[in-house]
Amino acid sequence: MELITVNRAANFSKNYNYKEFPFKIPPEILEGSQEVYPVAIVGAGPIGLSLAIDLAQRGIKSVLLDDNNIVSTGSRAICWAKRTLEIFDRLGVASKMMAKGITWETGRLFNGNKEVFSFNLLPDKGQKFPAFINLQQYYVEEYLIERCFELKDYIDLRFSSEVIDHKQNGENVDVTVSCPKGNYNLRSLYMVACDGAESPTRKRMNLSFDGEVFDEHFLIVDIFMDTPPFESDRPERWFWFAPSFHEGQSALLHKQAENIYRIDLQLEENIDKRKELDPERVRKRIKKVVRSDNFEIDWMSIYKFKCACLEKMVFDRIIFVGDSAHVVSPFGARGGNGGMHDVDNLGWKLASILKNNSSVKILNTYNDERIEAAKENISNSSRATNFMTPKNKMAKVFREQILDLATSNQISRNLINSGRLSVPYKLHGLKLTNEYKDDPLLGSIYIDFPILDKKGNILFLTDLISESYNLLSFSEIKMEFPFDLNVISVGEKTNQDVNFSDFQGKGLERYRSDLNYLIRPDGYIVGIFKQINIKTLEKCML
């Protein structure tokens, strides 16, 4: 993504004080250490930080290297989806995010100034987390860094440390790092590139990163307002096709924490970027949107983007995660959320190799599953962009007809695309030897529901999912298993046989009482059985 930014002040945001994290002399320079780290992670954005925490919670040490010493400048990624919040909860930061972030579940879509329809992203309630929260990326990184410091025995977080070279060498990876005290080398068993859309790691390896490039530019502006720019009793996602305040183009508005509002405005193809980022010119545009002069520009940028993906994400001991492996347009919030799904998929697999001596072939499943997920995200992102920015007259006429019909026609509404919002990829092609291989839940992430424990505490299924394999059953399980398996037995009421009750009946609305569900550490249902058989369970485990 090509990006140019201009910030309001030296600290970039009126409502956020950027902390500078100190540089510490690494042991390779201070002591001449030759320690071999299990994992070296390049890039301390949300993805790299999350992976380090995930591994630490599984007892795997990592060194995390970042060329900067502050969190990301500007709000950047802001929309965090329900599944991502469940992951963040497992990593220990979701409660802080929920307390600070703005919860929303409703989207409203306009054609011109006329509302076409609204939609609810989480109509099925009784889950721990909402469909989305909006929270600026710098807060997310701050909370993740704090969590890394709590796990300092497992995470060596090094700021102002730029990776300038790397080389695979048989059983390890040699990494060359540049820091304020000079260059040094460190060695790791695996290196994970979380170094963003412009990934230096990817470029050093001369990897192809082809994709569809979109010509249109978009202006992102974060503004501070004491009062909301539009009347609404709750935060919502508002999207306009051809609004009167921005004729012929599209616009998007979100509320963020601390009374910051994100506004995206589509611009023409051929623009003078510096001219478009002139604060007075931007201010005139925003005044038309919010119909007020009572706001401050907090941060702004202009971007154009492409949708692209690596052909593969695993190169022996070097693994790509997040934007370094795949990029999409921001419409649909599939970038940051998709990267977090990468982390959730990779962490337990990499830990199982390093800790439990699992076969390295398990990394092939990370590669295959997340490549397909990236392709799905790119497809959705490209379709959204093509609908938002018609490439010819006929495409524009088609869009206008769809928008006109959508006020009263559900089929037409289904054709409107202002960004299909992030949902987890569904695994396909699972080879299971049971009669429930066609069950729609197979290959999906578990569906959360409220649970009551024996002490009367209200929990959720997501609170009980462990970092090993899980077996969800709606009856008593008396078997003993020759492998690590977290058994979650749920009944209509808690008793001596089951530990939890489906006290609202939501569980049996979403699952069958006569079936048992095998859930992977990353939340995927990979087995559905009527009768539990140890050999069948083992076949479903990687």
Protein backbone atom coordinates (compact mmCIF):
# COMPACT_ATOMS: atom_id res chain seq x y z
CA MET A 1 0.00 0.00 0.00
CA GLU A 2 1.43 3.37 -1.00
CA LEU A 3 1.02 5.73 1.94
CA ILE A 4 1.79 9.40 2.57
CA THR A 5 0.99 10.89 5.95
CA VAL A 6 0.89 14.34 7.50
CA ASN A 7 0.35 14.56 11.24
CA ARG A 8 -1.15 17.28 13.41
CA ALA A 9 1.80 17.61 15.78
CA ALA A 10 5.11 16.08 16.70
CA ASN A 11 3.45 13.47 18.91
CA PHE A 12 0.99 12.68 16.08
CA SER A 13 -2.22 12.70 18.12
CA LYS A 14 -3.83 15.11 20.52
CA ASN A 15 -5.35 12.34 22.59
CA TYR A 16 -2.48 9.89 22.71
CA ASN A 17 0.93 10.34 24.26
CA TYR A 18 3.50 8.27 22.44
CA LYS A 19 5.92 6.52 24.77
CA GLU A 20 9.50 5.97 23.66
CA PHE A 21 10.64 2.48 24.59
CA PRO A 22 14.30 2.36 25.62
CA PHE A 23 17.00 0.61 23.67
CA LYS A 24 18.87 -2.00 25.68
CA ILE A 25 22.25 -3.27 24.63
CA PRO A 26 21.70 -6.86 23.41
CA PRO A 27 23.65 -9.68 25.05
CA GLU A 28 25.30 -10.47 21.71
CA ILE A 29 27.14 -7.12 22.00
CA LEU A 30 27.28 -6.73 25.79
CA GLU A 31 28.35 -10.26 26.65
CA GLY A 32 29.25 -11.87 23.33
CA SER A 33 26.30 -14.24 23.80
CA GLN A 34 25.83 -16.99 21.24
CA GLU A 35 22.41 -18.17 22.44
CA VAL A 36 20.25 -19.90 19.83
CA TYR A 37 16.70 -18.60 20.13
CA PRO A 38 13.80 -20.89 19.29
CA VAL A 39 12.12 -18.12 17.27
CA ALA A 40 13.18 -14.71 15.98
CA ILE A 41 10.23 -12.47 15.10
CA VAL A 42 10.79 -9.50 12.81
CA GLY A 43 8.38 -6.61 13.35
CA ALA A 44 6.63 -5.51 16.56
CA GLY A 45 3.29 -4.46 15.15
CA PRO A 46 0.08 -6.14 16.35
CA ILE A 47 0.94 -9.34 14.47
CA GLY A 48 4.51 -9.79 15.68
CA LEU A 49 3.64 -8.83 19.25
CA SER A 50 0.69 -11.23 19.29
CA LEU A 51 2.77 -14.12 17.96
CA ALA A 52 5.43 -13.56 20.63
CA ILE A 53 2.75 -13.63 23.34
CA ASP A 54 1.10 -16.72 21.86
CA LEU A 55 4.41 -18.59 21.85
CA ALA A 56 5.31 -17.37 25.35
CA GLN A 57 2.04 -18.67 26.75
CA ARG A 58 2.99 -22.05 25.29
CA GLY A 59 6.42 -21.95 26.92
CA ILE A 60 8.38 -20.97 23.79
CA LYS A 61 10.98 -18.20 23.99
CA SER A 62 11.39 -15.65 21.21
CA VAL A 63 13.40 -12.55 20.41
CA LEU A 64 11.23 -9.80 18.90
CA LEU A 65 13.02 -7.20 16.77
CA ASP A 66 11.65 -3.84 15.65
CA ASP A 67 13.41 -0.99 13.90
CA ASN A 68 11.34 1.62 15.78
CA ASN A 69 10.94 2.52 19.45
CA ILE A 70 7.33 3.71 19.54
CA VAL A 71 3.96 2.24 18.63
CA SER A 72 2.46 2.91 15.19
CA THR A 73 1.90 6.55 14.31
CA GLY A 74 -1.70 7.37 13.49
CA SER A 75 -4.74 5.21 14.11
CA ARG A 76 -4.21 2.87 11.10
CA ALA A 77 -6.02 -0.45 11.69
CA ILE A 78 -9.07 0.26 13.84
CA CYS A 79 -11.77 -2.41 13.29
CA TRP A 80 -11.28 -5.59 15.34
CA ALA A 81 -13.76 -8.40 14.70
CA LYS A 82 -15.33 -10.86 17.13
CA ARG A 83 -13.02 -13.77 16.33
CA THR A 84 -9.98 -11.51 16.68
CA LEU A 85 -11.26 -10.33 20.06
CA GLU A 86 -11.53 -13.97 21.14
CA ILE A 87 -7.87 -14.40 20.17
CA PHE A 88 -6.86 -11.22 21.98
CA ASP A 89 -8.75 -12.52 25.02
CA ARG A 90 -6.64 -15.67 25.00
CA LEU A 91 -3.53 -13.46 24.78
CA GLY A 92 -4.62 -11.40 27.78
CA VAL A 93 -5.43 -7.99 26.27
CA ALA A 94 -9.10 -8.11 25.23
CA SER A 95 -10.44 -6.65 28.48
CA LYS A 96 -8.32 -3.52 28.04
CA MET A 97 -9.37 -3.24 24.42
CA MET A 98 -13.06 -3.59 25.28
CA ALA A 99 -12.78 -0.97 28.02
CA LYS A 100 -11.18 1.56 25.69
CA GLY A 101 -12.73 0.66 22.32
CA ILE A 102 -16.05 1.58 20.73
CA THR A 103 -18.45 -1.33 20.34
CA TRP A 104 -20.60 -1.50 17.21
CA GLU A 105 -22.70 -4.09 15.43
CA THR A 106 -24.85 -2.07 13.03
CA GLY A 107 -23.93 -0.81 9.58
CA ARG A 108 -25.94 1.79 7.65
CA LEU A 109 -25.64 2.25 3.91
CA PHE A 110 -26.65 5.35 1.94
CA ASN A 111 -27.03 6.18 -1.74
CA GLY A 112 -26.58 9.90 -1.99
CA ASN A 113 -28.23 11.19 1.19
CA LYS A 114 -30.91 8.49 1.21
CA GLU A 115 -30.55 5.50 3.53
CA VAL A 116 -30.83 2.28 1.55
CA PHE A 117 -30.83 -0.16 4.46
CA SER A 118 -29.09 -1.08 7.72
CA PHE A 119 -27.79 -4.45 8.90
CA ASN A 120 -26.86 -6.17 12.15
CA LEU A 121 -23.57 -8.05 12.07
CA LEU A 122 -24.29 -10.16 15.15
CA PRO A 123 -28.02 -10.94 15.29
CA ASP A 124 -27.33 -14.13 17.26
CA LYS A 125 -26.60 -12.77 20.76
CA GLY A 126 -25.36 -14.64 23.80
CA GLN A 127 -21.66 -14.47 22.91
CA LYS A 128 -18.83 -12.96 24.93
CA PHE A 129 -17.72 -10.44 22.32
CA PRO A 130 -19.56 -8.11 19.94
CA ALA A 131 -19.29 -8.18 16.17
CA PHE A 132 -16.67 -5.41 16.18
CA ILE A 133 -14.96 -2.82 18.27
CA ASN A 134 -13.15 0.20 16.91
CA LEU A 135 -9.83 0.95 18.58
CA GLN A 136 -6.81 2.75 17.21
CA GLN A 137 -3.81 0.57 16.44
CA TYR A 138 -1.53 2.47 18.78
CA TYR A 139 -3.66 1.45 21.77
CA VAL A 140 -3.65 -2.18 20.66
CA GLU A 141 0.12 -2.17 20.32
CA GLU A 142 0.52 -0.48 23.70
CA TYR A 143 -1.52 -3.18 25.43
CA LEU A 144 0.35 -5.94 23.61
CA ILE A 145 3.71 -4.45 24.57
CA GLU A 146 2.62 -4.30 28.21
CA ARG A 147 1.67 -7.97 27.97
CA CYS A 148 5.09 -8.77 26.46
CA PHE A 149 6.76 -7.10 29.44
CA GLU A 150 4.69 -9.32 31.73
CA LEU A 151 6.10 -12.31 29.85
CA LYS A 152 9.69 -11.03 29.84
CA ASP A 153 11.08 -14.43 30.83
CA TYR A 154 9.94 -15.69 27.43
CA ILE A 155 9.97 -12.57 25.23
CA ASP A 156 13.13 -10.57 24.53
CA LEU A 157 11.61 -7.42 23.02
CA ARG A 158 14.28 -5.30 21.32
CA PHE A 159 13.46 -1.82 20.04
CA SER A 160 15.64 0.22 17.64
CA SER A 161 16.85 -3.08 16.20
CA GLU A 162 16.60 -3.35 12.42
CA VAL A 163 17.09 -6.68 10.68
CA ILE A 164 19.32 -5.94 7.70
CA ASP A 165 20.11 -9.47 6.55
CA HIS A 166 19.31 -13.11 7.19
CA LYS A 167 20.42 -16.48 5.92
CA GLN A 168 19.12 -20.00 6.39
CA ASN A 169 21.89 -22.34 7.38
CA GLY A 170 20.80 -25.93 7.72
CA GLU A 171 19.30 -26.25 11.21
CA ASN A 172 18.89 -22.53 11.95
CA VAL A 173 18.63 -18.97 10.64
CA ASP A 174 21.42 -16.41 11.03
CA VAL A 175 20.01 -12.89 11.48
CA THR A 176 22.03 -9.68 11.14
CA VAL A 177 20.73 -6.78 13.23
CA SER A 178 21.63 -3.10 13.14
CA CYS A 179 21.21 -1.17 16.39
CA PRO A 180 22.55 2.07 17.98
CA LYS A 181 25.61 0.14 19.24
CA GLY A 182 26.46 -1.31 15.85
CA ASN A 183 25.68 -4.50 13.97
CA TYR A 184 25.51 -7.96 15.47
CA ASN A 185 24.42 -11.47 14.56
CA LEU A 186 21.96 -13.71 16.34
CA ARG A 187 20.84 -17.24 15.59
CA SER A 188 17.38 -18.80 15.79
CA LEU A 189 15.76 -22.08 14.85
CA TYR A 190 12.95 -20.25 13.02
CA MET A 191 12.47 -16.71 11.79
CA VAL A 192 8.98 -15.26 11.35
CA ALA A 193 8.57 -12.19 9.16
CA CYS A 194 5.88 -9.87 10.52
CA ASP A 195 7.47 -6.82 8.94
CA GLY A 196 4.49 -5.41 7.08
CA ALA A 197 3.28 -4.71 3.58
CA GLU A 198 6.69 -3.46 2.44
CA SER A 199 8.41 -6.44 4.07
CA PRO A 200 12.22 -6.08 3.79
CA THR A 201 12.44 -9.82 4.46
CA ARG A 202 10.30 -10.57 1.43
CA LYS A 203 12.33 -8.17 -0.71
CA ARG A 204 15.67 -9.64 0.38
CA MET A 205 14.40 -13.05 -0.70
CA ASN A 206 13.23 -11.64 -4.08
CA LEU A 207 9.81 -13.20 -3.64
CA SER A 208 7.09 -12.44 -6.16
CA PHE A 209 4.26 -10.36 -4.68
CA ASP A 210 2.05 -9.72 -7.66
CA GLY A 211 -1.59 -8.73 -7.47
CA GLU A 212 -4.27 -6.31 -8.61
CA VAL A 213 -3.35 -2.64 -8.27
CA PHE A 214 -6.18 -0.12 -7.90
CA ASP A 215 -5.71 3.34 -9.35
CA GLU A 216 -8.05 5.22 -7.04
CA HIS A 217 -6.67 7.17 -4.10
CA PHE A 218 -8.39 7.45 -0.72
CA LEU A 219 -8.02 10.15 1.88
CA ILE A 220 -8.15 9.01 5.52
CA VAL A 221 -8.76 11.69 8.12
CA ASP A 222 -9.07 11.24 11.86
CA ILE A 223 -10.84 14.17 13.49
CA PHE A 224 -11.53 15.04 17.11
CA MET A 225 -15.09 16.14 17.87
CA ASP A 226 -16.82 16.59 21.24
CA THR A 227 -20.21 15.90 19.67
CA PRO A 228 -21.00 13.21 17.10
CA PRO A 229 -21.12 14.39 13.48
CA PHE A 230 -24.41 12.54 12.87
CA GLU A 231 -27.37 11.78 15.10
CA SER A 232 -27.35 8.19 16.34
CA ASP A 233 -28.06 6.60 19.69
CA ARG A 234 -25.08 4.25 19.31
CA PRO A 235 -21.84 3.97 17.28
CA GLU A 236 -22.37 2.56 13.79
CA ARG A 237 -20.55 2.09 10.50
CA TRP A 238 -21.88 4.59 7.96
CA PHE A 239 -21.07 4.17 4.27
CA TRP A 240 -22.18 6.45 1.42
CA PHE A 241 -22.23 5.95 -2.32
CA ALA A 242 -22.10 9.36 -4.05
CA PRO A 243 -23.06 11.55 -1.07
CA SER A 244 -23.93 15.19 -1.68
CA PHE A 245 -20.98 16.28 0.48
CA HIS A 246 -18.55 14.34 -1.73
CA GLU A 247 -20.22 14.14 -5.11
CA GLY A 248 -19.60 11.15 -7.33
CA GLN A 249 -17.34 9.32 -4.88
CA SER A 250 -17.73 7.12 -1.78
CA ALA A 251 -17.30 7.90 1.92
CA LEU A 252 -17.03 5.94 5.15
CA LEU A 253 -17.31 7.00 8.79
CA HIS A 254 -16.43 5.21 12.04
CA LYS A 255 -16.20 6.36 15.63
CA GLN A 256 -13.04 5.52 17.59
CA ALA A 257 -11.94 5.92 21.19
CA GLU A 258 -11.44 9.35 22.77
CA ASN A 259 -13.98 11.06 20.46
CA ILE A 260 -11.89 10.42 17.38
CA TYR A 261 -13.85 9.86 14.16
CA ARG A 262 -12.36 8.14 11.12
CA ILE A 263 -13.48 9.45 7.73
CA ASP A 264 -12.45 7.80 4.43
CA LEU A 265 -13.04 9.74 1.22
CA GLN A 266 -12.50 8.36 -2.27
CA LEU A 267 -10.46 10.71 -4.49
CA GLU A 268 -9.83 10.85 -8.20
CA GLU A 269 -7.24 8.67 -9.90
CA ASN A 270 -4.72 11.34 -10.89
CA ILE A 271 -4.12 13.70 -7.99
CA ASP A 272 -1.38 15.82 -6.52
CA LYS A 273 -0.94 14.05 -3.20
CA ARG A 274 0.85 16.90 -1.45
CA LYS A 275 -1.86 19.29 -2.55
CA GLU A 276 -4.61 16.98 -1.35
CA LEU A 277 -2.93 16.75 2.06
CA ASP A 278 -2.85 20.50 2.54
CA PRO A 279 -4.55 20.96 5.95
CA GLU A 280 -6.84 23.76 4.75
CA ARG A 281 -7.96 21.79 1.72
CA VAL A 282 -8.64 18.75 3.90
CA ARG A 283 -10.50 20.88 6.42
CA LYS A 284 -12.85 22.18 3.71
CA ARG A 285 -13.64 18.62 2.68
CA ILE A 286 -14.35 17.51 6.24
CA LYS A 287 -16.57 20.51 6.97
CA LYS A 288 -18.86 19.33 4.18
CA VAL A 289 -19.02 15.86 5.72
CA VAL A 290 -19.72 16.77 9.35
CA ARG A 291 -21.57 20.06 8.61
CA SER A 292 -19.59 21.81 11.32
CA ASP A 293 -16.37 23.71 11.87
CA ASN A 294 -16.06 22.45 15.43
CA PHE A 295 -13.42 19.76 14.95
CA GLU A 296 -9.66 19.25 14.91
CA ILE A 297 -7.70 17.23 12.39
CA ASP A 298 -5.83 14.61 14.38
CA TRP A 299 -4.13 12.54 11.66
CA MET A 300 -4.46 12.12 7.90
CA SER A 301 -3.04 10.14 5.05
CA ILE A 302 -3.60 9.35 1.38
CA TYR A 303 -3.28 5.82 0.12
CA LYS A 304 -3.79 3.64 -2.90
CA PHE A 305 -3.62 -0.08 -2.56
CA LYS A 306 -3.28 -3.44 -4.16
CA CYS A 307 -4.48 -6.92 -3.32
CA ALA A 308 -1.60 -9.38 -3.41
CA CYS A 309 -0.38 -12.59 -1.81
CA LEU A 310 2.78 -14.68 -1.71
CA GLU A 311 2.60 -17.97 -3.58
CA LYS A 312 3.57 -19.66 -0.33
CA MET A 313 4.16 -18.49 3.24
CA VAL A 314 6.60 -21.09 4.57
CA PHE A 315 10.17 -21.32 3.28
CA ASP A 316 11.69 -24.05 5.45
CA ARG A 317 12.65 -22.10 8.59
CA ILE A 318 11.41 -18.70 7.43
CA ILE A 319 7.69 -18.05 7.78
CA PHE A 320 5.60 -15.08 6.65
CA VAL A 321 2.64 -13.77 8.66
CA GLY A 322 0.19 -10.89 8.19
CA ASP A 323 0.83 -8.08 5.71
CA SER A 324 4.28 -9.42 4.84
CA ALA A 325 2.44 -12.40 3.28
CA HIS A 326 -0.75 -10.82 1.93
CA VAL A 327 -2.29 -7.37 1.57
CA VAL A 328 -5.86 -6.28 0.88
CA SER A 329 -7.79 -3.05 0.63
CA PRO A 330 -9.02 -1.70 3.99
CA PHE A 331 -12.70 -2.17 3.10
CA GLY A 332 -13.99 -5.07 5.14
CA ALA A 333 -11.34 -4.90 7.87
CA ARG A 334 -9.68 -8.05 6.53
CA GLY A 335 -6.05 -6.93 6.85
CA GLY A 336 -5.36 -6.78 10.59
CA ASN A 337 -8.00 -9.38 11.40
CA GLY A 338 -6.66 -11.75 8.75
CA GLY A 339 -3.17 -11.33 10.18
CA MET A 340 -4.42 -12.23 13.64
CA HIS A 341 -5.99 -15.37 12.20
CA ASP A 342 -2.53 -16.21 10.80
CA VAL A 343 -1.08 -15.88 14.30
CA ASP A 344 -3.81 -18.07 15.77
CA ASN A 345 -3.12 -20.75 13.16
CA LEU A 346 0.67 -20.68 13.39
CA GLY A 347 1.41 -20.27 17.11
CA TRP A 348 0.30 -23.67 18.36
CA LYS A 349 1.76 -25.49 15.36
CA LEU A 350 5.18 -23.88 15.72
CA ALA A 351 5.10 -24.53 19.47
CA SER A 352 4.21 -28.18 18.90
CA ILE A 353 7.32 -28.60 16.74
CA LEU A 354 9.63 -26.85 19.20
CA LYS A 355 8.15 -28.25 22.41
CA ASN A 356 6.61 -31.59 21.54
CA ASN A 357 8.82 -32.65 18.63
CA SER A 358 5.91 -32.74 16.20
CA SER A 359 6.74 -33.22 12.54
CA VAL A 360 7.71 -30.05 10.66
CA LYS A 361 5.07 -31.12 8.12
CA ILE A 362 2.51 -29.44 10.35
CA LEU A 363 3.79 -26.14 8.95
CA ASN A 364 2.46 -27.23 5.55
CA THR A 365 -1.04 -26.98 7.00
CA TYR A 366 -0.35 -23.40 8.11
CA ASN A 367 0.86 -22.60 4.61
CA ASP A 368 -2.04 -24.26 2.80
CA GLU A 369 -4.81 -23.03 5.09
CA ARG A 370 -3.67 -19.44 5.31
CA ILE A 371 -2.89 -19.14 1.60
CA GLU A 372 -6.49 -20.14 0.86
CA ALA A 373 -7.73 -17.72 3.52
CA ALA A 374 -5.68 -14.93 1.95
CA LYS A 375 -7.12 -15.69 -1.48
CA GLU A 376 -10.64 -15.52 -0.03
CA ASN A 377 -9.90 -12.18 1.64
CA ILE A 378 -8.37 -10.82 -1.56
CA SER A 379 -11.37 -11.95 -3.60
CA ASN A 380 -13.78 -10.22 -1.22
CA SER A 381 -11.63 -7.12 -1.07
CA SER A 382 -11.26 -6.85 -4.85
CA ARG A 383 -14.99 -7.28 -5.44
CA ALA A 384 -15.76 -4.57 -2.90
CA THR A 385 -13.34 -2.16 -4.51
CA ASN A 386 -14.64 -2.83 -8.01
CA PHE A 387 -18.22 -2.23 -6.83
CA MET A 388 -17.24 0.98 -5.06
CA THR A 389 -15.21 2.29 -7.99
CA PRO A 390 -16.91 1.18 -11.26
CA LYS A 391 -14.37 0.89 -14.06
CA ASN A 392 -16.72 1.84 -16.92
CA LYS A 393 -20.10 3.38 -17.68
CA MET A 394 -22.00 0.10 -17.77
CA ALA A 395 -20.59 -0.95 -14.39
CA LYS A 396 -21.70 2.36 -12.92
CA VAL A 397 -25.21 2.02 -14.38
CA PHE A 398 -25.44 -1.51 -12.95
CA ARG A 399 -24.43 -0.26 -9.52
CA GLU A 400 -26.97 2.55 -9.59
CA GLN A 401 -29.75 0.14 -10.54
CA ILE A 402 -28.80 -2.21 -7.70
CA LEU A 403 -28.76 0.65 -5.20
CA ASP A 404 -32.17 1.91 -6.38
CA LEU A 405 -33.75 -1.52 -6.04
CA ALA A 406 -32.13 -2.29 -2.68
CA THR A 407 -34.48 -0.09 -0.65
CA SER A 408 -37.22 -2.69 -1.07
CA ASN A 409 -35.55 -5.80 -2.48
CA GLN A 410 -33.45 -8.20 -0.39
CA ILE A 411 -31.84 -9.85 -3.42
CA SER A 412 -30.53 -6.47 -4.58
CA ARG A 413 -29.23 -5.74 -1.09
CA ASN A 414 -27.18 -8.91 -1.23
CA LEU A 415 -25.45 -7.61 -4.36
CA ILE A 416 -24.30 -4.35 -2.75
CA ASN A 417 -20.67 -4.47 -1.71
CA SER A 418 -19.16 -1.76 0.47
CA GLY A 419 -16.74 -4.25 2.01
CA ARG A 420 -17.68 -7.77 3.13
CA LEU A 421 -16.66 -7.54 6.77
CA SER A 422 -14.09 -9.89 8.24
CA VAL A 423 -15.14 -13.41 9.18
CA PRO A 424 -12.88 -16.42 9.78
CA TYR A 425 -11.99 -18.60 6.81
CA LYS A 426 -13.73 -21.98 6.78
CA LEU A 427 -11.44 -24.98 6.39
CA HIS A 428 -12.28 -27.14 3.40
CA GLY A 429 -11.37 -30.68 2.40
CA LEU A 430 -11.14 -32.15 5.89
CA LYS A 431 -10.73 -35.92 5.55
CA LEU A 432 -12.79 -37.36 8.38
CA THR A 433 -14.02 -40.92 8.73
CA ASN A 434 -17.39 -40.20 10.28
CA GLU A 435 -20.90 -39.70 8.97
CA TYR A 436 -21.01 -36.00 9.90
CA LYS A 437 -18.43 -34.79 7.39
CA ASP A 438 -21.11 -32.68 5.67
CA ASP A 439 -22.20 -30.91 8.87
CA PRO A 440 -21.96 -27.12 8.24
CA LEU A 441 -20.10 -26.64 11.53
CA LEU A 442 -17.23 -28.85 10.37
CA GLY A 443 -14.27 -26.67 9.42
CA SER A 444 -15.78 -23.59 11.07
CA ILE A 445 -14.70 -21.74 14.19
CA TYR A 446 -16.73 -22.76 17.24
CA ILE A 447 -19.81 -20.66 18.02
CA ASP A 448 -19.69 -19.13 21.47
CA PHE A 449 -22.47 -19.44 24.06
CA PRO A 450 -22.94 -18.63 27.78
CA ILE A 451 -22.22 -21.32 30.36
CA LEU A 452 -22.78 -21.59 34.12
CA ASP A 453 -20.18 -23.41 36.23
CA LYS A 454 -20.85 -25.30 39.47
CA LYS A 455 -20.11 -22.22 41.58
CA GLY A 456 -22.73 -20.20 39.74
CA ASN A 457 -20.24 -18.15 37.72
CA ILE A 458 -21.35 -17.09 34.26
CA LEU A 459 -18.70 -17.97 31.67
CA PHE A 460 -18.62 -18.49 27.92
CA LEU A 461 -17.43 -21.37 25.79
CA THR A 462 -14.57 -19.17 24.61
CA ASP A 463 -13.33 -18.98 28.23
CA LEU A 464 -13.04 -22.78 28.34
CA ILE A 465 -11.24 -23.37 25.04
CA SER A 466 -7.70 -24.40 25.98
CA GLU A 467 -4.43 -24.13 24.08
CA SER A 468 -4.60 -27.88 23.39
CA TYR A 469 -7.30 -29.82 21.56
CA ASN A 470 -10.78 -29.54 23.07
CA LEU A 471 -13.75 -31.91 23.10
CA LEU A 472 -17.17 -30.26 23.50
CA SER A 473 -19.85 -32.70 24.61
CA PHE A 474 -23.40 -32.34 25.88
CA SER A 475 -23.13 -35.47 28.00
CA GLU A 476 -20.77 -36.99 30.55
CA ILE A 477 -17.41 -38.21 29.22
CA LYS A 478 -15.90 -41.01 31.34
CA MET A 479 -13.10 -42.02 28.98
CA GLU A 480 -9.42 -41.39 29.58
CA PHE A 481 -7.33 -40.25 26.64
CA PRO A 482 -3.67 -41.04 25.81
CA PHE A 483 -3.10 -37.47 24.63
CA ASP A 484 -3.68 -33.94 25.91
CA LEU A 485 -7.39 -33.22 25.50
CA ASN A 486 -9.50 -30.63 27.30
CA VAL A 487 -12.98 -32.10 27.81
CA ILE A 488 -15.83 -29.59 28.12
CA SER A 489 -18.98 -31.39 29.30
CA VAL A 490 -22.14 -29.29 29.26
CA GLY A 491 -25.60 -30.28 30.41
CA GLU A 492 -28.95 -28.60 30.86
CA LYS A 493 -28.01 -28.28 34.53
CA THR A 494 -24.71 -28.70 36.36
CA ASN A 495 -24.41 -31.92 38.35
CA GLN A 496 -21.77 -34.40 39.48
CA ASP A 497 -21.38 -35.71 35.93
CA VAL A 498 -20.93 -32.45 34.02
CA ASN A 499 -19.14 -29.30 35.09
CA PHE A 500 -21.15 -26.71 33.17
CA SER A 501 -24.74 -25.95 32.30
CA ASP A 502 -26.23 -24.48 29.15
CA PHE A 503 -28.40 -22.31 31.39
CA GLN A 504 -29.82 -20.16 28.59
CA GLY A 505 -30.21 -22.98 26.08
CA LYS A 506 -27.97 -21.17 23.59
CA GLY A 507 -25.59 -24.12 23.30
CA LEU A 508 -28.26 -26.51 22.12
CA GLU A 509 -29.52 -23.88 19.69
CA ARG A 510 -26.10 -23.96 18.04
CA TYR A 511 -25.00 -27.58 18.52
CA ARG A 512 -26.66 -31.00 18.59
CA SER A 513 -27.03 -32.64 22.00
CA ASP A 514 -26.28 -36.12 20.62
CA LEU A 515 -22.98 -35.14 18.98
CA ASN A 516 -19.45 -34.44 20.22
CA TYR A 517 -17.23 -31.74 18.71
CA LEU A 518 -13.43 -31.85 18.45
CA ILE A 519 -12.02 -28.31 18.48
CA ARG A 520 -8.44 -27.46 17.50
CA PRO A 521 -6.30 -25.09 19.61
CA ASP A 522 -7.09 -22.33 17.10
CA GLY A 523 -10.84 -22.83 17.50
CA TYR A 524 -11.63 -24.85 14.38
CA ILE A 525 -14.11 -27.70 14.66
CA VAL A 526 -12.25 -30.55 12.96
CA GLY A 527 -14.29 -33.54 14.08
CA ILE A 528 -17.96 -34.27 14.78
CA PHE A 529 -18.85 -37.65 16.27
CA LYS A 530 -21.78 -39.50 17.77
CA GLN A 531 -19.56 -42.14 19.30
CA ILE A 532 -16.14 -41.12 20.63
CA ASN A 533 -13.34 -43.31 19.34
CA ILE A 534 -9.72 -42.62 20.25
CA LYS A 535 -8.38 -43.69 16.85
CA THR A 536 -10.89 -41.48 15.05
CA LEU A 537 -9.96 -38.54 17.27
CA GLU A 538 -6.28 -39.09 16.52
CA LYS A 539 -6.95 -39.07 12.78
CA CYS A 540 -8.50 -35.60 13.13
CA MET A 541 -5.49 -34.22 15.00
CA LEU A 542 -2.48 -32.78 13.22
